[in-house]
Amino acid sequence: MEIVPLSEVKNLLKKMQKDRELSREQNITLEYAEKVVKLPASKTKKLIKELMDLGRINEIQACKLADLLSGSEEEVTAIFSKESYSPSSEQIKKILDIISKYF
């Protein structure tokens, strides 16, 4: 299974749309992506890599953080709520500092 950030999904669907008509579900996904994606795919990839370089953050979590561009401790904590690893306040601050560079 490949983890794909929403910004890449948006790009893939736009390319597909040029070649053929999208299904209803694909159109809904594209509309959603166009509304919520805040960064281009290239910057999203850089952000994901930077978050993963912190350590203890896997690709799925980094993708979620990059897709949401979380701006609060509560949002970051929510992403890790069902995980065995829960970042400390210091680590959450580092995560938020990295994310804030991309706003």
C-alpha atoms as a PDB file:
ATOM      1  CA  MET A   1       0.000   0.000   0.000  1.00  0.00           C
ATOM      2  CA  GLU A   2       1.336   3.396  -0.954  1.00  0.00           C
ATOM      3  CA  ILE A   3       0.648   6.416   1.240  1.00  0.00           C
ATOM      4  CA  VAL A   4      -0.355   9.388  -0.917  1.00  0.00           C
ATOM      5  CA  PRO A   5      -0.927  12.901   0.407  1.00  0.00           C
ATOM      6  CA  LEU A   6      -4.123  14.649  -0.620  1.00  0.00           C
ATOM      7  CA  SER A   7      -2.190  17.170  -2.736  1.00  0.00           C
ATOM      8  CA  GLU A   8      -0.929  14.299  -4.920  1.00  0.00           C
ATOM      9  CA  VAL A   9      -4.423  12.802  -5.119  1.00  0.00           C
ATOM     10  CA  LYS A  10      -5.626  16.174  -6.388  1.00  0.00           C
ATOM     11  CA  ASN A  11      -2.917  16.249  -9.079  1.00  0.00           C
ATOM     12  CA  LEU A  12      -3.607  12.648 -10.139  1.00  0.00           C
ATOM     13  CA  LEU A  13      -7.338  13.274 -10.463  1.00  0.00           C
ATOM     14  CA  LYS A  14      -6.773  16.457 -12.479  1.00  0.00           C
ATOM     15  CA  LYS A  15      -4.556  14.529 -14.910  1.00  0.00           C
ATOM     16  CA  MET A  16      -7.131  11.751 -15.166  1.00  0.00           C
ATOM     17  CA  GLN A  17      -9.869  14.321 -15.784  1.00  0.00           C
ATOM     18  CA  LYS A  18      -8.046  15.516 -18.914  1.00  0.00           C
ATOM     19  CA  ASP A  19      -8.083  12.008 -20.402  1.00  0.00           C
ATOM     20  CA  ARG A  20     -11.526  10.799 -19.408  1.00  0.00           C
ATOM     21  CA  GLU A  21     -14.615  11.559 -17.390  1.00  0.00           C
ATOM     22  CA  LEU A  22     -14.185  10.946 -13.668  1.00  0.00           C
ATOM     23  CA  SER A  23     -16.562   8.749 -11.702  1.00  0.00           C
ATOM     24  CA  ARG A  24     -18.911  10.323  -9.186  1.00  0.00           C
ATOM     25  CA  GLU A  25     -16.623   9.329  -6.300  1.00  0.00           C
ATOM     26  CA  GLN A  26     -13.563  10.702  -8.064  1.00  0.00           C
ATOM     27  CA  ASN A  27     -15.346  14.010  -8.716  1.00  0.00           C
ATOM     28  CA  ILE A  28     -16.346  14.270  -5.066  1.00  0.00           C
ATOM     29  CA  THR A  29     -12.770  13.536  -4.002  1.00  0.00           C
ATOM     30  CA  LEU A  30     -11.390  16.126  -6.435  1.00  0.00           C
ATOM     31  CA  GLU A  31     -13.832  18.777  -5.194  1.00  0.00           C
ATOM     32  CA  TYR A  32     -12.856  18.016  -1.606  1.00  0.00           C
ATOM     33  CA  ALA A  33      -9.140  18.124  -2.426  1.00  0.00           C
ATOM     34  CA  GLU A  34      -9.506  21.449  -4.227  1.00  0.00           C
ATOM     35  CA  LYS A  35     -11.186  22.907  -1.148  1.00  0.00           C
ATOM     36  CA  VAL A  36      -8.786  21.659   1.529  1.00  0.00           C
ATOM     37  CA  VAL A  37      -5.346  21.295  -0.071  1.00  0.00           C
ATOM     38  CA  LYS A  38      -3.236  24.260   0.953  1.00  0.00           C
ATOM     39  CA  LEU A  39       0.193  23.258  -0.357  1.00  0.00           C
ATOM     40  CA  PRO A  40       1.408  22.054  -3.742  1.00  0.00           C
ATOM     41  CA  ALA A  41       2.505  18.418  -3.874  1.00  0.00           C
ATOM     42  CA  SER A  42       6.212  19.324  -3.985  1.00  0.00           C
ATOM     43  CA  LYS A  43       6.031  21.298  -0.734  1.00  0.00           C
ATOM     44  CA  THR A  44       3.870  18.624   0.864  1.00  0.00           C
ATOM     45  CA  LYS A  45       6.541  16.016   0.104  1.00  0.00           C
ATOM     46  CA  LYS A  46       9.213  18.226   1.678  1.00  0.00           C
ATOM     47  CA  LEU A  47       7.051  18.747   4.764  1.00  0.00           C
ATOM     48  CA  ILE A  48       6.414  15.011   5.116  1.00  0.00           C
ATOM     49  CA  LYS A  49      10.130  14.267   4.867  1.00  0.00           C
ATOM     50  CA  GLU A  50      10.965  16.949   7.427  1.00  0.00           C
ATOM     51  CA  LEU A  51       8.364  15.584   9.864  1.00  0.00           C
ATOM     52  CA  MET A  52       9.615  12.025   9.443  1.00  0.00           C
ATOM     53  CA  ASP A  53      13.191  13.212  10.044  1.00  0.00           C
ATOM     54  CA  LEU A  54      12.116  14.192  13.567  1.00  0.00           C
ATOM     55  CA  GLY A  55      11.910  10.491  14.364  1.00  0.00           C
ATOM     56  CA  ARG A  56       9.035   8.450  15.787  1.00  0.00           C
ATOM     57  CA  ILE A  57       6.659   9.876  13.158  1.00  0.00           C
ATOM     58  CA  ASN A  58       5.751   7.386  10.455  1.00  0.00           C
ATOM     59  CA  GLU A  59       4.695   8.170   6.899  1.00  0.00           C
ATOM     60  CA  ILE A  60       0.973   7.865   7.630  1.00  0.00           C
ATOM     61  CA  GLN A  61       1.140  10.307  10.529  1.00  0.00           C
ATOM     62  CA  ALA A  62       3.355  12.713   8.581  1.00  0.00           C
ATOM     63  CA  CYS A  63       0.867  12.603   5.688  1.00  0.00           C
ATOM     64  CA  LYS A  64      -2.049  13.365   7.993  1.00  0.00           C
ATOM     65  CA  LEU A  65      -0.150  16.268   9.550  1.00  0.00           C
ATOM     66  CA  ALA A  66       0.775  17.634   6.111  1.00  0.00           C
ATOM     67  CA  ASP A  67      -2.767  17.254   4.746  1.00  0.00           C
ATOM     68  CA  LEU A  68      -4.294  19.043   7.729  1.00  0.00           C
ATOM     69  CA  LEU A  69      -1.504  21.560   8.262  1.00  0.00           C
ATOM     70  CA  SER A  70      -2.392  21.336  11.919  1.00  0.00           C
ATOM     71  CA  GLY A  71      -2.011  24.592  13.745  1.00  0.00           C
ATOM     72  CA  SER A  72      -2.745  23.538  17.302  1.00  0.00           C
ATOM     73  CA  GLU A  73      -1.503  21.087  19.896  1.00  0.00           C
ATOM     74  CA  GLU A  74      -4.981  19.551  20.112  1.00  0.00           C
ATOM     75  CA  GLU A  75      -5.026  18.682  16.406  1.00  0.00           C
ATOM     76  CA  VAL A  76      -1.563  17.117  16.570  1.00  0.00           C
ATOM     77  CA  THR A  77      -2.535  15.167  19.686  1.00  0.00           C
ATOM     78  CA  ALA A  78      -5.691  13.925  17.929  1.00  0.00           C
ATOM     79  CA  ILE A  79      -3.619  12.486  15.065  1.00  0.00           C
ATOM     80  CA  PHE A  80      -1.600  10.439  17.549  1.00  0.00           C
ATOM     81  CA  SER A  81      -4.546   9.535  19.812  1.00  0.00           C
ATOM     82  CA  LYS A  82      -4.901   5.946  18.540  1.00  0.00           C
ATOM     83  CA  GLU A  83      -1.178   5.304  18.212  1.00  0.00           C
ATOM     84  CA  SER A  84       1.110   3.553  20.669  1.00  0.00           C
ATOM     85  CA  TYR A  85       3.415   6.595  20.530  1.00  0.00           C
ATOM     86  CA  SER A  86       2.232   9.924  21.882  1.00  0.00           C
ATOM     87  CA  PRO A  87       4.539  12.913  21.409  1.00  0.00           C
ATOM     88  CA  SER A  88       5.517  15.050  24.377  1.00  0.00           C
ATOM     89  CA  SER A  89       4.665  18.750  24.562  1.00  0.00           C
ATOM     90  CA  GLU A  90       8.214  19.538  23.432  1.00  0.00           C
ATOM     91  CA  GLN A  91       7.875  17.238  20.408  1.00  0.00           C
ATOM     92  CA  ILE A  92       4.477  18.702  19.531  1.00  0.00           C
ATOM     93  CA  LYS A  93       6.052  22.163  19.589  1.00  0.00           C
ATOM     94  CA  LYS A  94       8.755  20.961  17.157  1.00  0.00           C
ATOM     95  CA  ILE A  95       6.055  19.519  14.880  1.00  0.00           C
ATOM     96  CA  LEU A  96       4.103  22.783  14.944  1.00  0.00           C
ATOM     97  CA  ASP A  97       7.286  24.794  14.279  1.00  0.00           C
ATOM     98  CA  ILE A  98       8.007  22.718  11.186  1.00  0.00           C
ATOM     99  CA  ILE A  99       4.418  22.992   9.943  1.00  0.00           C
ATOM    100  CA  SER A 100       4.358  26.766  10.511  1.00  0.00           C
ATOM    101  CA  LYS A 101       7.250  27.181   8.042  1.00  0.00           C
ATOM    102  CA  TYR A 102       4.936  25.995   5.274  1.00  0.00           C
ATOM    103  CA  PHE A 103       1.998  28.337   5.888  1.00  0.00           C
END
